């Protein structure tokens, strides 16, 4: 719960540092794979930045986050009912065309990533798409009171191999878009093939 405590206590600062980051180059590869009027789940929506962007582009968006403070911020920003829920509690079936998990599953315990991905897979419609991003690396670590599960290409491949009906569409590395950060990110696009 340390990570959630961090976001509850630093919601203002976190929102300020992430809200105005230009994410368009990450949205496009994901949205290009979705049908018109797709239904998207923003899994771990934080401030609601991406939820709002998808809503403004005409998509139906559901959003969840496990920080009460960020749920409140996201509701204020987007005007939609953001659900206070952990990704461990995702319980939908065949609902979403796309699941957007931008910088959220990096707080999932490594030994529970497959479990959460199974829940995401179940929540997807046929041909549904998952976008995920992780800080690039191979370790589990704590920084500034938050727990991180970093991921590299080999670890992502091992994870994907556990799901017969999920296929890799693309993966690429980007540099953090915030001006004070030099971190690299692993971006993953997977598709449900059934």
N, C-alpha and C. Protein backbone atom coordinates (compact mmCIF):
# COMPACT_ATOMS: atom_id res chain seq x y z
N UNK A 1 0.82 -1.22 0.00
CA UNK A 1 0.00 0.00 0.00
C UNK A 1 0.85 1.26 0.00
N UNK A 2 2.16 1.10 0.15
CA UNK A 2 3.04 2.28 0.17
C UNK A 2 2.89 3.12 -1.09
N UNK A 3 2.76 2.42 -2.22
CA UNK A 3 2.65 3.13 -3.49
C UNK A 3 1.36 3.95 -3.54
N UNK A 4 0.25 3.37 -3.09
CA UNK A 4 -1.03 4.08 -3.07
C UNK A 4 -0.95 5.27 -2.13
N UNK A 5 -0.31 5.08 -0.97
CA UNK A 5 -0.13 6.19 -0.03
C UNK A 5 0.62 7.34 -0.70
N UNK A 6 1.64 6.99 -1.49
CA UNK A 6 2.41 8.02 -2.20
C UNK A 6 1.47 8.84 -3.09
N UNK A 7 0.65 8.16 -3.89
CA UNK A 7 -0.22 8.89 -4.82
C UNK A 7 -1.31 9.68 -4.09
N UNK A 8 -1.80 9.14 -3.00
CA UNK A 8 -2.80 9.88 -2.23
C UNK A 8 -2.21 11.15 -1.62
N UNK A 9 -0.96 11.09 -1.20
CA UNK A 9 -0.32 12.25 -0.57
C UNK A 9 0.31 13.22 -1.57
N UNK A 10 0.60 12.73 -2.79
CA UNK A 10 1.26 13.57 -3.79
C UNK A 10 0.41 13.76 -5.05
N UNK A 11 -0.90 13.63 -4.91
CA UNK A 11 -1.80 13.69 -6.09
C UNK A 11 -1.65 15.00 -6.85
N UNK A 12 -1.57 16.10 -6.13
CA UNK A 12 -1.45 17.42 -6.77
C UNK A 12 -0.16 17.52 -7.58
N UNK A 13 0.92 17.17 -6.94
CA UNK A 13 2.24 17.24 -7.58
C UNK A 13 2.32 16.27 -8.77
N UNK A 14 1.81 15.05 -8.59
CA UNK A 14 1.82 14.05 -9.67
C UNK A 14 0.99 14.55 -10.86
N UNK A 15 -0.18 15.07 -10.58
CA UNK A 15 -1.06 15.58 -11.65
C UNK A 15 -0.35 16.71 -12.40
N UNK A 16 0.24 17.62 -11.66
CA UNK A 16 0.93 18.76 -12.28
C UNK A 16 2.06 18.29 -13.20
N UNK A 17 2.80 17.25 -12.79
CA UNK A 17 3.97 16.80 -13.56
C UNK A 17 3.59 15.96 -14.78
N UNK A 18 2.36 15.42 -14.82
CA UNK A 18 1.99 14.52 -15.92
C UNK A 18 0.88 15.03 -16.83
N UNK A 19 0.08 15.94 -16.35
CA UNK A 19 -1.15 16.32 -17.05
C UNK A 19 -0.93 16.89 -18.45
N UNK A 20 0.14 17.65 -18.62
CA UNK A 20 0.33 18.35 -19.90
C UNK A 20 1.38 17.69 -20.80
N UNK A 21 1.75 16.46 -20.48
CA UNK A 21 2.70 15.74 -21.33
C UNK A 21 1.99 15.36 -22.64
N UNK A 22 2.63 15.63 -23.77
CA UNK A 22 2.05 15.32 -25.08
C UNK A 22 2.18 13.82 -25.35
N UNK A 23 1.06 13.12 -25.33
CA UNK A 23 1.06 11.66 -25.46
C UNK A 23 0.61 11.19 -26.85
N UNK A 24 0.40 12.11 -27.75
CA UNK A 24 -0.19 11.78 -29.05
C UNK A 24 0.57 10.67 -29.79
N UNK A 25 1.90 10.69 -29.72
CA UNK A 25 2.69 9.67 -30.44
C UNK A 25 2.50 8.28 -29.84
N UNK A 26 2.04 8.21 -28.60
CA UNK A 26 1.75 6.90 -27.99
C UNK A 26 0.28 6.51 -28.21
N UNK A 27 -0.60 7.50 -28.26
CA UNK A 27 -2.02 7.20 -28.52
C UNK A 27 -2.21 6.56 -29.90
N UNK A 28 -1.56 7.13 -30.91
CA UNK A 28 -1.87 6.76 -32.30
C UNK A 28 -1.68 5.27 -32.62
N UNK A 29 -0.55 4.65 -32.26
CA UNK A 29 -0.40 3.22 -32.59
C UNK A 29 -1.50 2.36 -31.95
N UNK A 30 -1.96 2.76 -30.76
CA UNK A 30 -3.03 2.05 -30.05
C UNK A 30 -4.38 2.29 -30.73
N UNK A 31 -4.70 3.56 -30.95
CA UNK A 31 -6.01 3.92 -31.52
C UNK A 31 -6.16 3.42 -32.96
N UNK A 32 -5.05 3.34 -33.69
CA UNK A 32 -5.09 2.86 -35.08
C UNK A 32 -5.59 1.42 -35.17
N UNK A 33 -5.48 0.67 -34.08
CA UNK A 33 -5.89 -0.74 -34.06
C UNK A 33 -7.33 -0.93 -33.59
N UNK A 34 -7.98 0.16 -33.20
CA UNK A 34 -9.32 0.06 -32.64
C UNK A 34 -10.39 0.43 -33.66
N UNK A 35 -11.59 -0.15 -33.52
CA UNK A 35 -12.70 0.25 -34.41
C UNK A 35 -13.21 1.64 -34.05
N UNK A 36 -13.95 2.25 -34.95
CA UNK A 36 -14.61 3.52 -34.66
C UNK A 36 -15.56 3.30 -33.48
N UNK A 37 -15.70 4.28 -32.64
CA UNK A 37 -16.57 4.19 -31.46
C UNK A 37 -16.17 3.07 -30.50
N UNK A 38 -14.88 2.76 -30.45
CA UNK A 38 -14.39 1.71 -29.56
C UNK A 38 -14.65 2.06 -28.10
N UNK A 39 -14.76 1.01 -27.29
CA UNK A 39 -14.87 1.20 -25.84
C UNK A 39 -13.50 0.86 -25.25
N UNK A 40 -12.97 1.82 -24.49
CA UNK A 40 -11.61 1.72 -23.94
C UNK A 40 -11.69 1.72 -22.42
N UNK A 41 -10.84 0.90 -21.79
CA UNK A 41 -10.64 0.97 -20.35
C UNK A 41 -9.28 1.61 -20.09
N UNK A 42 -9.28 2.71 -19.35
CA UNK A 42 -8.03 3.32 -18.89
C UNK A 42 -7.74 2.71 -17.52
N UNK A 43 -6.83 1.76 -17.50
CA UNK A 43 -6.53 0.94 -16.32
C UNK A 43 -5.42 1.60 -15.51
N UNK A 44 -5.80 2.22 -14.40
CA UNK A 44 -4.82 3.00 -13.62
C UNK A 44 -4.70 4.37 -14.25
N UNK A 45 -5.80 5.10 -14.26
CA UNK A 45 -5.92 6.32 -15.08
C UNK A 45 -5.19 7.53 -14.50
N UNK A 46 -4.74 7.45 -13.23
CA UNK A 46 -4.04 8.59 -12.65
C UNK A 46 -4.90 9.84 -12.66
N UNK A 47 -4.37 10.92 -13.18
CA UNK A 47 -5.06 12.21 -13.19
C UNK A 47 -6.25 12.25 -14.15
N UNK A 48 -6.32 11.27 -15.06
CA UNK A 48 -7.39 11.26 -16.06
C UNK A 48 -6.98 11.87 -17.39
N UNK A 49 -5.72 12.20 -17.53
CA UNK A 49 -5.21 12.83 -18.75
C UNK A 49 -5.58 12.04 -20.01
N UNK A 50 -5.29 10.73 -20.00
CA UNK A 50 -5.52 9.92 -21.19
C UNK A 50 -7.01 9.62 -21.38
N UNK A 51 -7.72 9.44 -20.27
CA UNK A 51 -9.17 9.26 -20.33
C UNK A 51 -9.82 10.43 -21.05
N UNK A 52 -9.42 11.64 -20.67
CA UNK A 52 -9.97 12.85 -21.29
C UNK A 52 -9.63 12.91 -22.78
N UNK A 53 -8.39 12.57 -23.11
CA UNK A 53 -7.97 12.60 -24.52
C UNK A 53 -8.80 11.63 -25.35
N UNK A 54 -9.02 10.42 -24.85
CA UNK A 54 -9.81 9.43 -25.59
C UNK A 54 -11.28 9.87 -25.68
N UNK A 55 -11.79 10.41 -24.59
CA UNK A 55 -13.17 10.91 -24.58
C UNK A 55 -13.34 12.01 -25.63
N UNK A 56 -12.38 12.93 -25.67
CA UNK A 56 -12.44 14.05 -26.62
C UNK A 56 -12.31 13.60 -28.07
N UNK A 57 -11.73 12.41 -28.28
CA UNK A 57 -11.61 11.85 -29.63
C UNK A 57 -12.85 11.04 -30.01
N UNK A 58 -13.83 10.97 -29.11
CA UNK A 58 -15.10 10.31 -29.43
C UNK A 58 -15.23 8.87 -28.99
N UNK A 59 -14.28 8.39 -28.20
CA UNK A 59 -14.36 7.01 -27.72
C UNK A 59 -15.17 6.92 -26.43
N UNK A 60 -15.74 5.75 -26.18
CA UNK A 60 -16.40 5.47 -24.91
C UNK A 60 -15.32 5.01 -23.95
N UNK A 61 -15.21 5.68 -22.82
CA UNK A 61 -14.10 5.38 -21.92
C UNK A 61 -14.58 5.08 -20.51
N UNK A 62 -14.08 3.97 -19.97
CA UNK A 62 -14.20 3.67 -18.55
C UNK A 62 -12.82 3.87 -17.95
N UNK A 63 -12.78 4.29 -16.70
CA UNK A 63 -11.49 4.53 -16.06
C UNK A 63 -11.52 4.04 -14.62
N UNK A 64 -10.41 3.42 -14.21
CA UNK A 64 -10.26 3.01 -12.81
C UNK A 64 -8.90 3.43 -12.29
N UNK A 65 -8.84 3.66 -10.98
CA UNK A 65 -7.56 3.89 -10.32
C UNK A 65 -7.73 3.50 -8.85
N UNK A 66 -6.60 3.17 -8.21
CA UNK A 66 -6.66 2.70 -6.83
C UNK A 66 -6.21 3.75 -5.82
N UNK A 67 -5.99 4.96 -6.30
CA UNK A 67 -5.71 6.08 -5.41
C UNK A 67 -6.98 6.93 -5.33
N UNK A 68 -7.53 7.05 -4.13
CA UNK A 68 -8.77 7.83 -3.97
C UNK A 68 -8.56 9.27 -4.40
N UNK A 69 -7.40 9.82 -4.09
CA UNK A 69 -7.11 11.22 -4.45
C UNK A 69 -7.07 11.40 -5.96
N UNK A 70 -6.48 10.43 -6.66
CA UNK A 70 -6.40 10.53 -8.12
C UNK A 70 -7.75 10.25 -8.78
N UNK A 71 -8.54 9.36 -8.20
CA UNK A 71 -9.90 9.14 -8.71
C UNK A 71 -10.68 10.45 -8.68
N UNK A 72 -10.54 11.17 -7.58
CA UNK A 72 -11.22 12.46 -7.45
C UNK A 72 -10.74 13.45 -8.52
N UNK A 73 -9.42 13.51 -8.70
CA UNK A 73 -8.84 14.41 -9.72
C UNK A 73 -9.35 14.03 -11.11
N UNK A 74 -9.34 12.73 -11.41
CA UNK A 74 -9.76 12.26 -12.73
C UNK A 74 -11.24 12.56 -12.99
N UNK A 75 -12.08 12.40 -11.98
CA UNK A 75 -13.50 12.73 -12.13
C UNK A 75 -13.67 14.21 -12.44
N UNK A 76 -12.94 15.06 -11.71
CA UNK A 76 -13.02 16.51 -11.94
C UNK A 76 -12.58 16.87 -13.35
N UNK A 77 -11.51 16.24 -13.81
CA UNK A 77 -10.95 16.57 -15.12
C UNK A 77 -11.83 16.08 -16.27
N UNK A 78 -12.36 14.86 -16.14
CA UNK A 78 -13.02 14.20 -17.27
C UNK A 78 -14.53 14.33 -17.28
N UNK A 79 -15.12 14.54 -16.11
CA UNK A 79 -16.57 14.58 -16.02
C UNK A 79 -17.23 13.21 -16.11
N UNK A 80 -16.43 12.14 -16.04
CA UNK A 80 -17.03 10.80 -16.05
C UNK A 80 -16.86 10.15 -14.68
N UNK A 81 -17.64 9.11 -14.44
CA UNK A 81 -17.55 8.39 -13.17
C UNK A 81 -16.32 7.49 -13.20
N UNK A 82 -15.27 7.88 -12.53
CA UNK A 82 -14.06 7.08 -12.45
C UNK A 82 -14.21 6.12 -11.27
N UNK A 83 -13.93 4.87 -11.50
CA UNK A 83 -14.15 3.84 -10.47
C UNK A 83 -12.91 3.69 -9.59
N UNK A 84 -13.14 3.66 -8.28
CA UNK A 84 -12.07 3.40 -7.32
C UNK A 84 -11.88 1.88 -7.26
N UNK A 85 -10.86 1.39 -7.97
CA UNK A 85 -10.65 -0.06 -8.07
C UNK A 85 -9.20 -0.36 -8.42
N UNK A 86 -8.71 -1.44 -7.89
CA UNK A 86 -7.36 -1.92 -8.21
C UNK A 86 -7.40 -2.76 -9.48
N UNK A 87 -6.28 -2.79 -10.20
CA UNK A 87 -6.24 -3.68 -11.38
C UNK A 87 -6.32 -5.14 -10.95
N UNK A 88 -6.00 -5.45 -9.71
CA UNK A 88 -6.14 -6.83 -9.21
C UNK A 88 -7.62 -7.24 -9.12
N UNK A 89 -8.50 -6.25 -9.10
CA UNK A 89 -9.94 -6.50 -8.92
C UNK A 89 -10.74 -6.43 -10.22
N UNK A 90 -10.07 -6.25 -11.34
CA UNK A 90 -10.76 -6.15 -12.62
C UNK A 90 -11.59 -7.43 -12.85
N UNK A 91 -12.88 -7.25 -13.14
CA UNK A 91 -13.76 -8.42 -13.21
C UNK A 91 -14.75 -8.36 -14.38
N UNK A 92 -14.38 -7.67 -15.44
CA UNK A 92 -15.26 -7.56 -16.62
C UNK A 92 -14.97 -8.72 -17.59
N UNK A 93 -15.94 -9.00 -18.45
CA UNK A 93 -15.75 -10.04 -19.46
C UNK A 93 -16.26 -9.55 -20.82
N UNK A 94 -15.39 -9.59 -21.81
CA UNK A 94 -15.71 -9.28 -23.20
C UNK A 94 -16.41 -7.93 -23.36
N UNK A 95 -15.80 -6.90 -22.80
CA UNK A 95 -16.41 -5.57 -22.79
C UNK A 95 -15.64 -4.56 -23.64
N UNK A 96 -14.31 -4.65 -23.63
CA UNK A 96 -13.48 -3.56 -24.19
C UNK A 96 -12.82 -3.92 -25.52
N UNK A 97 -12.78 -2.91 -26.39
CA UNK A 97 -12.01 -3.03 -27.64
C UNK A 97 -10.53 -2.77 -27.37
N UNK A 98 -10.27 -1.98 -26.35
CA UNK A 98 -8.89 -1.66 -26.01
C UNK A 98 -8.73 -1.41 -24.53
N UNK A 99 -7.58 -1.82 -23.98
CA UNK A 99 -7.24 -1.50 -22.60
C UNK A 99 -5.93 -0.75 -22.60
N UNK A 100 -5.95 0.43 -22.02
CA UNK A 100 -4.81 1.34 -21.98
C UNK A 100 -4.25 1.29 -20.55
N UNK A 101 -3.05 0.75 -20.42
CA UNK A 101 -2.41 0.63 -19.10
C UNK A 101 -1.07 1.35 -19.15
N UNK A 102 -1.16 2.67 -19.22
CA UNK A 102 0.03 3.51 -19.37
C UNK A 102 0.63 3.78 -17.98
N UNK A 103 1.84 3.28 -17.76
CA UNK A 103 2.56 3.53 -16.51
C UNK A 103 1.74 3.16 -15.27
N UNK A 104 0.95 2.09 -15.39
CA UNK A 104 0.18 1.64 -14.23
C UNK A 104 0.61 0.25 -13.77
N UNK A 105 0.77 -0.69 -14.71
CA UNK A 105 1.15 -2.04 -14.32
C UNK A 105 2.59 -2.11 -13.81
N UNK A 106 3.33 -1.03 -13.95
CA UNK A 106 4.67 -1.01 -13.37
C UNK A 106 4.60 -1.02 -11.84
N UNK A 107 3.40 -0.84 -11.29
CA UNK A 107 3.21 -0.98 -9.84
C UNK A 107 2.60 -2.33 -9.46
N UNK A 108 2.42 -3.21 -10.43
CA UNK A 108 1.91 -4.55 -10.16
C UNK A 108 3.07 -5.42 -9.68
N UNK A 109 2.81 -6.24 -8.67
CA UNK A 109 3.85 -7.17 -8.22
C UNK A 109 4.20 -8.09 -9.38
N UNK A 110 5.49 -8.33 -9.57
CA UNK A 110 5.93 -9.14 -10.72
C UNK A 110 5.25 -10.51 -10.75
N UNK A 111 5.13 -11.15 -9.60
CA UNK A 111 4.54 -12.49 -9.59
C UNK A 111 3.02 -12.48 -9.75
N UNK A 112 2.44 -11.28 -9.91
CA UNK A 112 1.00 -11.20 -10.17
C UNK A 112 0.69 -10.59 -11.55
N UNK A 113 1.73 -10.28 -12.32
CA UNK A 113 1.50 -9.69 -13.65
C UNK A 113 0.67 -10.61 -14.54
N UNK A 114 0.98 -11.90 -14.55
CA UNK A 114 0.24 -12.83 -15.40
C UNK A 114 -1.23 -12.90 -14.97
N UNK A 115 -1.47 -12.85 -13.67
CA UNK A 115 -2.84 -12.87 -13.13
C UNK A 115 -3.63 -11.65 -13.61
N UNK A 116 -3.00 -10.47 -13.54
CA UNK A 116 -3.67 -9.25 -13.98
C UNK A 116 -3.89 -9.27 -15.49
N UNK A 117 -2.91 -9.75 -16.23
CA UNK A 117 -3.06 -9.85 -17.68
C UNK A 117 -4.17 -10.82 -18.07
N UNK A 118 -4.34 -11.87 -17.30
CA UNK A 118 -5.45 -12.81 -17.54
C UNK A 118 -6.78 -12.08 -17.39
N UNK A 119 -6.90 -11.23 -16.37
CA UNK A 119 -8.12 -10.46 -16.15
C UNK A 119 -8.35 -9.47 -17.30
N UNK A 120 -7.26 -8.85 -17.76
CA UNK A 120 -7.35 -7.91 -18.89
C UNK A 120 -7.79 -8.65 -20.16
N UNK A 121 -7.19 -9.82 -20.38
CA UNK A 121 -7.52 -10.63 -21.55
C UNK A 121 -9.02 -10.97 -21.54
N UNK A 122 -9.52 -11.35 -20.37
CA UNK A 122 -10.93 -11.72 -20.23
C UNK A 122 -11.83 -10.51 -20.51
N UNK A 123 -11.37 -9.32 -20.13
CA UNK A 123 -12.18 -8.11 -20.30
C UNK A 123 -12.23 -7.62 -21.75
N UNK A 124 -11.32 -8.12 -22.58
CA UNK A 124 -11.25 -7.70 -23.98
C UNK A 124 -12.25 -8.44 -24.85
N UNK A 125 -12.77 -7.73 -25.84
CA UNK A 125 -13.54 -8.36 -26.91
C UNK A 125 -12.57 -9.10 -27.83
N UNK A 126 -13.12 -9.90 -28.73
CA UNK A 126 -12.30 -10.53 -29.76
C UNK A 126 -11.56 -9.45 -30.56
N UNK A 127 -10.31 -9.69 -30.86
CA UNK A 127 -9.45 -8.73 -31.58
C UNK A 127 -9.12 -7.49 -30.74
N UNK A 128 -9.39 -7.55 -29.45
CA UNK A 128 -9.10 -6.42 -28.58
C UNK A 128 -7.60 -6.18 -28.42
N UNK A 129 -7.25 -4.96 -28.04
CA UNK A 129 -5.84 -4.54 -27.99
C UNK A 129 -5.49 -4.04 -26.59
N UNK A 130 -4.28 -4.39 -26.14
CA UNK A 130 -3.74 -3.91 -24.87
C UNK A 130 -2.50 -3.06 -25.14
N UNK A 131 -2.47 -1.86 -24.56
CA UNK A 131 -1.24 -1.06 -24.54
C UNK A 131 -0.76 -1.01 -23.10
N UNK A 132 0.55 -1.25 -22.89
CA UNK A 132 1.15 -1.15 -21.57
C UNK A 132 2.50 -0.46 -21.68
N UNK A 133 2.87 0.24 -20.63
CA UNK A 133 4.23 0.78 -20.59
C UNK A 133 4.83 0.56 -19.21
N UNK A 134 6.10 0.22 -19.24
CA UNK A 134 6.88 -0.05 -18.02
C UNK A 134 8.18 0.73 -18.09
N UNK A 135 8.70 1.12 -16.94
CA UNK A 135 10.05 1.68 -16.94
C UNK A 135 10.99 0.57 -17.39
N UNK A 136 11.93 0.93 -18.24
CA UNK A 136 12.80 -0.06 -18.87
C UNK A 136 13.85 -0.55 -17.88
N UNK A 137 13.92 -1.86 -17.74
CA UNK A 137 14.90 -2.46 -16.83
C UNK A 137 14.48 -3.88 -16.53
N UNK A 138 15.11 -4.47 -15.51
CA UNK A 138 14.78 -5.86 -15.20
C UNK A 138 14.61 -6.12 -13.70
N UNK A 139 14.49 -5.04 -12.93
CA UNK A 139 14.49 -5.22 -11.48
C UNK A 139 13.16 -4.83 -10.83
N UNK A 140 13.01 -5.24 -9.58
CA UNK A 140 11.93 -4.79 -8.71
C UNK A 140 12.61 -3.83 -7.73
N UNK A 141 12.05 -2.63 -7.58
CA UNK A 141 12.74 -1.65 -6.75
C UNK A 141 11.74 -0.71 -6.09
N UNK A 142 12.25 0.01 -5.11
CA UNK A 142 11.45 1.04 -4.44
C UNK A 142 12.17 2.37 -4.65
N UNK A 143 11.41 3.37 -5.08
CA UNK A 143 11.98 4.70 -5.28
C UNK A 143 10.98 5.74 -4.78
N UNK A 144 11.43 6.62 -3.92
CA UNK A 144 10.58 7.70 -3.37
C UNK A 144 9.26 7.15 -2.80
N UNK A 145 9.34 6.00 -2.15
CA UNK A 145 8.16 5.44 -1.51
C UNK A 145 7.23 4.67 -2.43
N UNK A 146 7.60 4.51 -3.69
CA UNK A 146 6.77 3.74 -4.63
C UNK A 146 7.50 2.46 -5.05
N UNK A 147 6.75 1.39 -5.20
CA UNK A 147 7.32 0.12 -5.65
C UNK A 147 7.17 0.01 -7.16
N UNK A 148 8.25 -0.38 -7.83
CA UNK A 148 8.26 -0.50 -9.29
C UNK A 148 8.65 -1.89 -9.73
N UNK A 149 7.97 -2.37 -10.76
CA UNK A 149 8.34 -3.59 -11.46
C UNK A 149 8.78 -3.15 -12.85
N UNK A 150 10.10 -3.14 -13.07
CA UNK A 150 10.63 -2.75 -14.38
C UNK A 150 10.55 -3.96 -15.33
N UNK A 151 10.57 -3.67 -16.62
CA UNK A 151 10.45 -4.75 -17.60
C UNK A 151 11.36 -4.48 -18.79
N UNK A 152 11.99 -5.54 -19.30
CA UNK A 152 12.74 -5.43 -20.55
C UNK A 152 12.10 -6.35 -21.59
N UNK A 153 12.68 -6.39 -22.78
CA UNK A 153 12.07 -7.14 -23.89
C UNK A 153 11.96 -8.64 -23.58
N UNK A 154 13.00 -9.21 -22.97
CA UNK A 154 12.99 -10.65 -22.67
C UNK A 154 11.90 -10.99 -21.66
N UNK A 155 11.78 -10.17 -20.64
CA UNK A 155 10.74 -10.41 -19.63
C UNK A 155 9.34 -10.25 -20.22
N UNK A 156 9.19 -9.27 -21.10
CA UNK A 156 7.89 -9.07 -21.76
C UNK A 156 7.55 -10.29 -22.63
N UNK A 157 8.55 -10.83 -23.31
CA UNK A 157 8.34 -12.00 -24.15
C UNK A 157 7.94 -13.22 -23.32
N UNK A 158 8.59 -13.38 -22.16
CA UNK A 158 8.26 -14.50 -21.26
C UNK A 158 6.81 -14.38 -20.77
N UNK A 159 6.41 -13.16 -20.49
CA UNK A 159 5.04 -12.91 -20.03
C UNK A 159 4.04 -13.22 -21.15
N UNK A 160 4.32 -12.73 -22.33
CA UNK A 160 3.44 -12.93 -23.48
C UNK A 160 3.30 -14.42 -23.82
N UNK A 161 4.38 -15.16 -23.66
CA UNK A 161 4.39 -16.59 -24.00
C UNK A 161 3.41 -17.39 -23.14
N UNK A 162 2.97 -16.83 -22.03
CA UNK A 162 2.01 -17.52 -21.15
C UNK A 162 0.58 -17.45 -21.69
N UNK A 163 0.38 -16.66 -22.76
CA UNK A 163 -0.97 -16.46 -23.29
C UNK A 163 -1.02 -16.84 -24.76
N UNK A 164 -1.59 -18.00 -25.04
CA UNK A 164 -1.65 -18.50 -26.41
C UNK A 164 -2.40 -17.57 -27.35
N UNK A 165 -3.42 -16.91 -26.82
CA UNK A 165 -4.28 -16.12 -27.71
C UNK A 165 -3.96 -14.62 -27.68
N UNK A 166 -2.83 -14.27 -27.13
CA UNK A 166 -2.35 -12.89 -27.21
C UNK A 166 -1.13 -12.86 -28.10
N UNK A 167 -1.10 -11.90 -29.02
CA UNK A 167 0.03 -11.79 -29.93
C UNK A 167 0.66 -10.41 -29.86
N UNK A 168 1.94 -10.36 -30.12
CA UNK A 168 2.67 -9.09 -30.14
C UNK A 168 2.36 -8.33 -31.42
N UNK A 169 1.93 -7.09 -31.29
CA UNK A 169 1.74 -6.21 -32.44
C UNK A 169 3.00 -5.37 -32.63
N UNK A 170 3.48 -4.81 -31.51
CA UNK A 170 4.67 -3.95 -31.57
C UNK A 170 5.22 -3.75 -30.17
N UNK A 171 6.52 -3.48 -30.09
CA UNK A 171 7.12 -3.01 -28.84
C UNK A 171 8.24 -2.06 -29.20
N UNK A 172 8.39 -1.02 -28.41
CA UNK A 172 9.40 -0.01 -28.71
C UNK A 172 9.78 0.72 -27.43
N UNK A 173 10.93 1.35 -27.49
CA UNK A 173 11.44 2.08 -26.33
C UNK A 173 11.34 3.57 -26.60
N UNK A 174 10.88 4.30 -25.59
CA UNK A 174 10.81 5.76 -25.69
C UNK A 174 11.54 6.36 -24.49
N UNK A 175 11.86 7.63 -24.62
CA UNK A 175 12.46 8.37 -23.51
C UNK A 175 11.34 9.18 -22.86
N UNK A 176 11.37 9.27 -21.55
CA UNK A 176 10.35 10.01 -20.80
C UNK A 176 10.17 11.41 -21.38
N UNK A 177 8.91 11.79 -21.57
CA UNK A 177 8.61 13.08 -22.21
C UNK A 177 8.63 14.26 -21.24
N UNK A 178 8.73 13.97 -19.94
CA UNK A 178 8.79 15.07 -18.98
C UNK A 178 10.18 15.70 -19.02
N UNK A 179 10.27 17.01 -18.95
CA UNK A 179 11.54 17.69 -19.17
C UNK A 179 12.65 17.33 -18.17
N UNK A 180 12.28 16.94 -16.96
CA UNK A 180 13.30 16.67 -15.93
C UNK A 180 13.64 15.19 -15.82
N UNK A 181 13.21 14.37 -16.79
CA UNK A 181 13.43 12.92 -16.70
C UNK A 181 14.26 12.41 -17.86
N UNK A 182 15.14 11.45 -17.54
CA UNK A 182 15.95 10.81 -18.57
C UNK A 182 15.60 9.32 -18.71
N UNK A 183 14.55 8.89 -18.01
CA UNK A 183 14.22 7.46 -17.98
C UNK A 183 13.74 6.96 -19.34
N UNK A 184 14.00 5.66 -19.56
CA UNK A 184 13.49 5.01 -20.77
C UNK A 184 12.29 4.14 -20.39
N UNK A 185 11.38 3.99 -21.37
CA UNK A 185 10.15 3.23 -21.17
C UNK A 185 10.04 2.14 -22.23
N UNK A 186 9.56 0.97 -21.82
CA UNK A 186 9.22 -0.09 -22.75
C UNK A 186 7.72 -0.01 -23.02
N UNK A 187 7.36 0.17 -24.27
CA UNK A 187 5.96 0.26 -24.69
C UNK A 187 5.59 -1.04 -25.39
N UNK A 188 4.43 -1.60 -25.03
CA UNK A 188 3.98 -2.88 -25.58
C UNK A 188 2.58 -2.76 -26.14
N UNK A 189 2.36 -3.30 -27.32
CA UNK A 189 1.04 -3.42 -27.92
C UNK A 189 0.78 -4.89 -28.20
N UNK A 190 -0.21 -5.45 -27.51
CA UNK A 190 -0.58 -6.86 -27.70
C UNK A 190 -2.03 -6.94 -28.17
N UNK A 191 -2.32 -7.98 -28.93
CA UNK A 191 -3.68 -8.12 -29.48
C UNK A 191 -4.23 -9.50 -29.17
N UNK A 192 -5.52 -9.53 -28.86
CA UNK A 192 -6.22 -10.79 -28.58
C UNK A 192 -6.60 -11.44 -29.90
N UNK A 193 -6.08 -12.63 -30.13
CA UNK A 193 -6.36 -13.35 -31.38
C UNK A 193 -7.18 -14.59 -31.05
N UNK A 194 -8.47 -14.53 -31.30
CA UNK A 194 -9.29 -15.71 -31.04
C UNK A 194 -10.47 -15.80 -32.00
